[in-house]
Amino acid sequence: MNTDRILVGISGGIDSTATCLMLQQQGFEVVGMTMLTTPQADARDAIDVACKLSIEHHVVDVRQEFHDTIIDYFIREYLQGRTPNPCARCNPLFKERLLCEWADHTHCQRMATGHYCRLQRIDGQWHVRQGVDATKDQSYFLWQLPQHMLSRLLFPLGELTKQQVRQYLEEKGFEAKAHEGESMEVCFIPTDYRDFLRRECPDIDQRIGPGRFVNKQGVAIGTHEGFPFYTVGQRKGLHIALGEPAYVLRINAEKNTVMLGTAADLEASFMVCQPPQGHTELILHHPRLTVRIRYRSQALPCHTRLLPDGRLLVRFLTPASAITPGQSAVFYADDCVLGGAYIDSQRGILKLASENNDL
C-alpha cells in the first residue's frame, strides 16, 4: 500500500476542496472519492474540483445502502418517540467505513476528511480533539469512530478557522469556491424534517394520527398532530396557548401523548444513557469530565456511574436542559473526546437519582 497516496472524501464544497489542496501541498498523492447518498445527489461539483486539481477521482453510488443504514434509522427513531442523531451514526457506520474500504481498494494507506477537529495519540490510543474553530467544531459527531479508523485518518482543517479556510482557497485561485455558502447540517433533509417524514412515510398521519398534549400531571390540555412531529425542548410550532411559553418535556409513543411544561421544567440534574462506548474507564473516572448533550451545546461538568444493567447514569454539576432521548451524550476531558453514549429514555430517572444520590 502506497504511503504517499491518501483518499479524501470530496463533496465539492469549501472544506473538502481545501483539504485536497492542503494535502497536495504537503506532498501527498491525493485520490478523491465522492459518495452519492440521496436521490438528489450530484457529483458535478466534486468532479469539477478533481479535474481542476488533476487528481484521480471515484464516484460511488451508495444511495440504497445509505437509505437502509441511515435514513431508515432516522425514520425509525422518530416513530419510537426519540430524536435521532444521524451524523453521529453516519460517520462510523457509513462514510468513514466506506472510506476505509475504498482506501484499501485504491491502495491508499491514509484517509482524510474536511471535518473541523483534530487527532492526538495518548498512551497508545487515538483521541479526537475539538477543532480550533469552536463555532465549527465537529468532534461531537465522531465519538464512535474506532481505533483502526482513527489511526488512518487526517483532519487537515482542525487547526484552522472557517475564515482562514476561505482565505486559503482565495489565495489558491478558488475565489468563487471561497465565497460559497454553508452546506446543510443534515444532508438528506432539504427543508423541515416533518415534511421529510411525510414524504418517506405517506401513511404516517393515518397510522398515528392526532394525539393529546398533557401537562405534568397527565391531564389533557390540547391536541397535537402526532408524536413523531415533536422533540424534547421544542417551543415553536406547538400551536397551543397556555398563557406562558410552553415546551415539550416528554414524548410517549405508546400513548401518542406529548407532555408540555415550562423552561424550568426542562432542567435536569441527572440523565441516563445507553451503555457507553469509547474509553470507558476514563468516562467513569476522569476528574475533569464534561459532557455535551447536543451539537454546539456547552460542555457541562459531570460525574458518572455504570448501572448494573450496563447503562450510564450521569449527574450534572451544573444544571442541564432538554435531555433528549436519541441524541448523543459525548464525554470530554478538556478538548479531548473520551467517548459517548446515546441518551436513553428518562423514565424512572428520579428513582435512579435517589438511589445514587452520592454520585
Protein backbone atom coordinates (compact mmCIF):
# COMPACT_ATOMS: atom_id res chain seq x y z
CA MET A 1 0.00 0.00 0.00
CA ASN A 2 1.40 3.38 -1.05
CA THR A 3 2.16 5.58 1.97
CA ASP A 4 2.13 8.71 -0.23
CA ARG A 5 -1.41 8.11 -1.52
CA ILE A 6 -4.27 9.48 0.55
CA LEU A 7 -8.01 9.08 -0.07
CA VAL A 8 -10.09 12.20 0.52
CA GLY A 9 -13.87 12.33 0.78
CA ILE A 10 -14.87 15.05 -1.71
CA SER A 11 -18.26 16.75 -1.79
CA GLY A 12 -17.06 19.59 -4.00
CA GLY A 13 -17.67 22.12 -1.24
CA ILE A 14 -15.34 24.56 0.54
CA ASP A 15 -13.94 22.19 3.15
CA SER A 16 -13.19 19.15 1.00
CA THR A 17 -11.64 21.34 -1.71
CA ALA A 18 -9.33 22.99 0.82
CA THR A 19 -8.46 19.58 2.29
CA CYS A 20 -7.33 18.29 -1.12
CA LEU A 21 -5.26 21.40 -1.81
CA MET A 22 -3.52 21.30 1.57
CA LEU A 23 -2.63 17.63 1.25
CA GLN A 24 -1.26 18.18 -2.24
CA GLN A 25 0.92 20.95 -0.82
CA GLN A 26 2.18 18.52 1.81
CA GLY A 27 3.33 16.13 -0.94
CA PHE A 28 0.56 13.54 -0.85
CA GLU A 29 -0.81 11.92 -3.98
CA VAL A 30 -4.48 12.78 -3.42
CA VAL A 31 -7.21 10.39 -4.57
CA GLY A 32 -10.78 11.68 -4.38
CA MET A 33 -13.92 9.74 -3.55
CA THR A 34 -17.45 11.10 -3.80
CA MET A 35 -20.42 9.25 -2.34
CA LEU A 36 -23.85 9.63 -3.93
CA THR A 37 -26.14 9.12 -0.93
CA THR A 38 -29.51 10.62 -1.84
CA PRO A 39 -31.73 10.69 -4.96
CA GLN A 40 -30.88 14.38 -5.49
CA ALA A 41 -27.13 13.83 -5.01
CA ASP A 42 -24.99 15.43 -7.69
CA ALA A 43 -21.26 14.81 -8.22
CA ARG A 44 -20.67 17.64 -10.70
CA ASP A 45 -19.03 20.00 -8.19
CA ALA A 46 -16.76 17.22 -6.93
CA ILE A 47 -15.84 16.19 -10.48
CA ASP A 48 -15.05 19.82 -11.30
CA VAL A 49 -12.73 20.10 -8.27
CA ALA A 50 -11.00 16.81 -9.13
CA CYS A 51 -10.42 17.99 -12.71
CA LYS A 52 -9.00 21.35 -11.59
CA LEU A 53 -6.62 19.59 -9.19
CA SER A 54 -5.80 16.82 -11.70
CA ILE A 55 -6.43 14.05 -9.17
CA GLU A 56 -7.71 10.51 -9.52
CA HIS A 57 -11.40 10.53 -8.60
CA HIS A 58 -14.03 7.86 -7.92
CA VAL A 59 -17.79 8.42 -7.75
CA VAL A 60 -19.60 5.74 -5.75
CA ASP A 61 -23.36 5.28 -5.87
CA VAL A 62 -24.39 4.16 -2.36
CA ARG A 63 -27.92 5.57 -2.30
CA GLN A 64 -29.68 2.34 -1.44
CA GLU A 65 -27.20 1.44 1.29
CA PHE A 66 -27.41 4.96 2.74
CA HIS A 67 -31.19 4.70 2.83
CA ASP A 68 -31.06 1.30 4.54
CA THR A 69 -28.40 2.33 7.07
CA ILE A 70 -29.09 5.99 7.87
CA ILE A 71 -32.48 7.14 6.56
CA ASP A 72 -34.35 4.07 7.85
CA TYR A 73 -32.72 4.63 11.25
CA PHE A 74 -33.73 8.30 11.17
CA ILE A 75 -37.37 7.44 10.48
CA ARG A 76 -37.42 4.56 12.97
CA GLU A 77 -36.17 6.77 15.80
CA TYR A 78 -38.87 9.38 15.27
CA LEU A 79 -41.53 6.66 15.08
CA GLN A 80 -40.37 5.46 18.50
CA GLY A 81 -40.57 8.89 20.09
CA ARG A 82 -36.84 9.64 20.02
CA THR A 83 -34.85 12.37 18.25
CA PRO A 84 -32.22 10.76 16.00
CA ASN A 85 -28.59 11.82 15.66
CA PRO A 86 -27.89 10.81 12.04
CA CYS A 87 -24.46 12.45 11.65
CA ALA A 88 -23.06 10.64 14.70
CA ARG A 89 -24.30 7.35 13.25
CA CYS A 90 -23.31 8.08 9.66
CA ASN A 91 -19.62 8.71 10.32
CA PRO A 92 -18.64 5.34 11.85
CA LEU A 93 -21.23 3.12 10.18
CA PHE A 94 -21.23 4.63 6.74
CA LYS A 95 -18.91 7.40 5.50
CA GLU A 96 -15.70 6.56 7.31
CA ARG A 97 -16.33 2.83 6.88
CA LEU A 98 -16.67 3.28 3.12
CA LEU A 99 -13.58 5.49 3.07
CA CYS A 100 -11.66 2.65 4.74
CA GLU A 101 -12.91 0.14 2.19
CA TRP A 102 -12.08 2.41 -0.75
CA ALA A 103 -8.70 3.34 0.70
CA ASP A 104 -7.82 -0.36 0.58
CA HIS A 105 -9.34 -0.67 -2.89
CA THR A 106 -7.31 2.28 -4.23
CA HIS A 107 -4.10 1.32 -2.36
CA CYS A 108 -4.16 4.35 -0.05
CA GLN A 109 -2.75 3.93 3.44
CA ARG A 110 -4.27 7.17 4.79
CA MET A 111 -7.65 8.88 4.56
CA ALA A 112 -8.73 12.48 5.13
CA THR A 113 -11.93 14.46 5.52
CA GLY A 114 -12.81 18.13 5.91
CA HIS A 115 -14.04 17.82 9.50
CA TYR A 116 -13.12 20.64 11.85
CA CYS A 117 -11.45 18.56 14.55
CA ARG A 118 -8.01 17.24 15.48
CA LEU A 119 -6.39 13.94 16.44
CA GLN A 120 -3.98 13.12 19.24
CA ARG A 121 -2.40 9.86 20.38
CA ILE A 122 -2.35 9.45 24.17
CA ASP A 123 -0.92 6.34 25.86
CA GLY A 124 -1.08 4.44 22.58
CA GLN A 125 -4.74 5.31 21.90
CA TRP A 126 -6.10 7.78 19.35
CA HIS A 127 -8.43 10.53 20.56
CA VAL A 128 -10.47 13.04 18.59
CA ARG A 129 -9.94 16.60 19.82
CA GLN A 130 -12.06 19.66 19.27
CA GLY A 131 -11.18 21.88 16.33
CA VAL A 132 -9.58 25.28 16.88
CA ASP A 133 -12.71 26.99 15.50
CA ALA A 134 -15.26 26.49 18.29
CA THR A 135 -18.09 27.64 16.00
CA LYS A 136 -17.34 24.84 13.50
CA ASP A 137 -16.03 22.07 15.80
CA GLN A 138 -17.38 18.67 14.67
CA SER A 139 -15.78 16.40 17.28
CA TYR A 140 -19.25 15.77 18.75
CA PHE A 141 -20.19 13.65 15.73
CA LEU A 142 -17.08 11.44 15.75
CA TRP A 143 -17.29 9.76 19.17
CA GLN A 144 -17.99 6.31 17.70
CA LEU A 145 -15.01 6.13 15.34
CA PRO A 146 -12.95 3.02 16.23
CA GLN A 147 -9.19 2.98 16.67
CA HIS A 148 -8.49 1.27 13.33
CA MET A 149 -10.20 4.17 11.52
CA LEU A 150 -8.67 6.93 13.65
CA SER A 151 -5.19 5.53 13.08
CA ARG A 152 -5.56 6.12 9.32
CA LEU A 153 -7.37 9.48 9.37
CA LEU A 154 -6.14 13.03 8.92
CA PHE A 155 -8.17 16.18 9.60
CA PRO A 156 -6.19 18.97 7.88
CA LEU A 157 -8.70 21.71 8.79
CA GLY A 158 -8.65 21.09 12.53
CA GLU A 159 -6.08 23.80 13.28
CA LEU A 160 -7.87 26.44 11.18
CA THR A 161 -10.93 28.64 11.43
CA LYS A 162 -13.53 28.65 8.69
CA GLN A 163 -12.46 32.17 7.73
CA GLN A 164 -8.86 31.02 7.36
CA VAL A 165 -10.01 28.17 5.11
CA ARG A 166 -11.91 30.62 2.92
CA GLN A 167 -8.86 32.90 2.73
CA TYR A 168 -6.65 29.94 1.82
CA LEU A 169 -8.92 28.98 -1.09
CA GLU A 170 -9.00 32.54 -2.32
CA GLU A 171 -5.19 32.73 -2.27
CA LYS A 172 -5.03 29.49 -4.27
CA GLY A 173 -7.23 30.85 -7.04
CA PHE A 174 -10.55 29.37 -5.94
CA GLU A 175 -12.27 32.74 -5.36
CA ALA A 176 -15.78 31.56 -6.24
CA LYS A 177 -15.41 28.45 -4.07
CA ALA A 178 -14.12 30.53 -1.16
CA HIS A 179 -17.34 32.55 -1.08
CA GLU A 180 -19.81 29.65 -1.35
CA GLY A 181 -22.46 29.21 1.32
CA GLU A 182 -22.52 26.56 4.03
CA SER A 183 -23.90 23.09 3.39
CA MET A 184 -26.89 21.70 5.31
CA GLU A 185 -26.21 20.08 8.67
CA VAL A 186 -28.34 17.02 7.80
CA CYS A 187 -27.52 16.29 4.18
CA PHE A 188 -30.74 14.45 3.31
CA ILE A 189 -33.21 16.92 4.90
CA PRO A 190 -33.71 19.76 2.37
CA THR A 191 -36.41 21.53 4.41
CA ASP A 192 -38.29 20.55 7.59
CA TYR A 193 -37.86 17.00 8.90
CA ARG A 194 -41.65 16.72 9.29
CA ASP A 195 -42.10 17.14 5.53
CA PHE A 196 -39.39 14.53 5.03
CA LEU A 197 -41.17 12.05 7.33
CA ARG A 198 -44.43 12.56 5.48
CA ARG A 199 -42.73 12.06 2.12
CA GLU A 200 -40.94 8.89 3.24
CA CYS A 201 -43.97 7.55 5.15
CA PRO A 202 -47.04 8.73 3.18
CA ASP A 203 -49.43 7.00 5.61
CA ILE A 204 -47.86 8.42 8.78
CA ASP A 205 -50.83 10.67 9.56
CA GLN A 206 -53.27 7.78 9.13
CA ARG A 207 -51.09 5.33 11.11
CA ILE A 208 -50.51 7.63 14.07
CA GLY A 209 -52.99 10.49 13.85
CA PRO A 210 -53.58 13.32 16.30
CA GLY A 211 -52.82 12.84 19.99
CA ARG A 212 -53.11 14.69 23.26
CA PHE A 213 -50.95 17.38 24.77
CA VAL A 214 -50.81 16.72 28.51
CA ASN A 215 -49.41 18.63 31.47
CA LYS A 216 -47.03 17.22 34.09
CA GLN A 217 -49.97 15.66 35.93
CA GLY A 218 -51.06 13.81 32.78
CA VAL A 219 -54.17 15.95 32.27
CA ALA A 220 -55.12 16.60 28.64
CA ILE A 221 -54.68 20.27 27.70
CA GLY A 222 -54.92 20.18 23.90
CA THR A 223 -54.45 18.23 20.68
CA HIS A 224 -51.31 17.74 18.60
CA GLU A 225 -50.56 16.39 15.10
CA GLY A 226 -48.89 13.15 16.19
CA PHE A 227 -45.89 12.44 18.44
CA PRO A 228 -43.24 12.00 15.65
CA PHE A 229 -43.57 15.68 14.78
CA TYR A 230 -42.22 16.90 18.14
CA THR A 231 -38.94 16.78 20.01
CA VAL A 232 -37.96 17.42 23.61
CA GLY A 233 -37.21 21.09 24.21
CA GLN A 234 -39.32 22.27 21.27
CA ARG A 235 -41.15 25.57 21.76
CA LYS A 236 -42.08 26.80 18.30
CA GLY A 237 -44.83 25.21 16.25
CA LEU A 238 -46.86 23.80 19.15
CA HIS A 239 -49.94 25.87 18.22
CA ILE A 240 -51.31 25.92 21.74
CA ALA A 241 -51.94 28.89 24.04
CA LEU A 242 -51.32 28.27 27.73
CA GLY A 243 -50.75 31.84 28.92
CA GLU A 244 -46.98 31.32 29.16
CA PRO A 245 -44.29 29.84 26.87
CA ALA A 246 -44.70 26.05 26.63
CA TYR A 247 -42.00 23.49 25.87
CA VAL A 248 -42.05 19.78 25.06
CA LEU A 249 -40.92 17.88 28.18
CA ARG A 250 -41.53 14.26 27.23
CA ILE A 251 -42.90 12.14 24.39
CA ASN A 252 -44.85 8.91 24.92
CA ALA A 253 -45.00 7.00 21.64
CA GLU A 254 -47.19 4.22 23.03
CA LYS A 255 -49.93 6.62 24.14
CA ASN A 256 -49.28 9.25 21.43
CA THR A 257 -49.03 11.94 24.10
CA VAL A 258 -46.71 14.94 24.29
CA MET A 259 -46.09 16.44 27.74
CA LEU A 260 -45.74 20.21 27.95
CA GLY A 261 -44.30 22.43 30.67
CA THR A 262 -42.16 25.47 31.34
CA ALA A 263 -38.49 26.14 30.62
CA ALA A 264 -37.77 25.46 34.29
CA ASP A 265 -39.39 22.02 33.94
CA LEU A 266 -36.79 21.11 31.28
CA GLU A 267 -33.90 21.49 33.72
CA ALA A 268 -32.30 18.27 34.92
CA SER A 269 -29.61 17.24 37.39
CA PHE A 270 -29.37 13.63 36.15
CA MET A 271 -29.73 11.68 32.92
CA VAL A 272 -29.44 8.05 31.96
CA CYS A 273 -27.73 6.86 28.76
CA GLN A 274 -27.35 3.59 26.91
CA PRO A 275 -24.09 1.66 27.57
CA PRO A 276 -21.11 3.92 26.83
CA GLN A 277 -18.61 3.39 24.04
CA GLY A 278 -15.01 4.54 23.80
CA HIS A 279 -12.55 4.97 26.64
CA THR A 280 -14.99 3.74 29.29
CA GLU A 281 -12.62 3.83 32.24
CA LEU A 282 -11.88 7.49 31.55
CA ILE A 283 -15.60 8.25 31.19
CA LEU A 284 -16.17 6.71 34.62
CA HIS A 285 -13.19 8.12 36.48
CA HIS A 286 -11.71 11.21 34.81
CA PRO A 287 -11.54 14.07 37.35
CA ARG A 288 -12.31 16.79 34.76
CA LEU A 289 -15.11 15.03 32.91
CA THR A 290 -17.58 17.12 30.91
CA VAL A 291 -20.45 16.14 28.61
CA ARG A 292 -22.20 17.72 25.64
CA ILE A 293 -25.79 16.59 25.17
CA ARG A 294 -26.35 18.11 21.72
CA TYR A 295 -24.31 19.57 18.89
CA ARG A 296 -22.91 23.00 19.78
CA SER A 297 -24.20 22.79 23.35
CA GLN A 298 -21.94 23.87 26.19
CA ALA A 299 -19.86 21.08 27.76
CA LEU A 300 -21.16 20.56 31.30
CA PRO A 301 -19.06 19.17 34.18
CA CYS A 302 -20.44 15.86 35.40
CA HIS A 303 -19.91 12.63 37.33
CA THR A 304 -20.88 9.20 36.01
CA ARG A 305 -21.73 5.74 37.31
CA LEU A 306 -22.20 2.45 35.48
CA LEU A 307 -25.52 0.86 36.44
CA PRO A 308 -25.97 -2.91 36.92
CA ASP A 309 -27.81 -3.15 33.57
CA GLY A 310 -24.83 -1.56 31.73
CA ARG A 311 -26.41 1.83 31.24
CA LEU A 312 -24.69 5.02 32.34
CA LEU A 313 -26.08 7.37 34.97
CA VAL A 314 -24.81 10.95 34.70
CA ARG A 315 -25.06 13.64 37.36
CA PHE A 316 -24.61 17.20 36.10
CA LEU A 317 -22.63 19.51 38.35
CA THR A 318 -24.35 22.48 36.70
CA PRO A 319 -27.99 22.22 35.51
CA ALA A 320 -28.67 20.75 32.08
CA SER A 321 -31.74 21.44 29.96
CA ALA A 322 -33.83 19.43 27.49
CA ILE A 323 -32.43 15.90 27.88
CA THR A 324 -33.45 14.39 24.56
CA PRO A 325 -33.62 10.59 24.10
CA GLY A 326 -31.87 9.51 20.90
CA GLN A 327 -29.29 12.31 20.93
CA SER A 328 -25.61 11.71 21.67
CA ALA A 329 -24.04 12.40 25.05
CA VAL A 330 -20.36 12.97 24.22
CA PHE A 331 -17.82 13.00 27.04
CA TYR A 332 -14.70 15.15 27.07
CA ALA A 333 -11.63 15.78 29.15
CA ASP A 334 -10.76 19.37 28.30
CA ASP A 335 -10.93 19.36 24.45
CA CYS A 336 -10.40 15.60 24.06
CA VAL A 337 -13.24 13.18 23.23
CA LEU A 338 -13.30 10.20 25.59
CA GLY A 339 -16.34 8.51 24.07
CA GLY A 340 -20.08 8.75 24.24
CA ALA A 341 -23.48 7.12 24.55
CA TYR A 342 -26.97 7.59 23.16
CA ILE A 343 -29.31 9.27 25.61
CA ASP A 344 -31.92 6.77 26.82
CA SER A 345 -35.50 7.25 27.96
CA GLN A 346 -35.52 9.27 31.18
CA ARG A 347 -38.44 7.32 32.60
CA GLY A 348 -37.63 6.37 36.19
CA ILE A 349 -34.77 8.88 36.43
CA LEU A 350 -35.96 10.23 39.82
CA LYS A 351 -35.75 6.74 41.33
CA LEU A 352 -32.27 6.18 39.85
CA ALA A 353 -31.14 9.59 41.09
CA SER A 354 -32.40 8.90 44.60
CA GLU A 355 -30.65 5.50 44.68
CA ASN A 356 -27.40 7.14 43.56
CA ASN A 357 -27.55 10.45 45.42
CA ASP A 358 -23.89 10.07 46.43
CA LEU A 359 -22.77 10.17 42.79
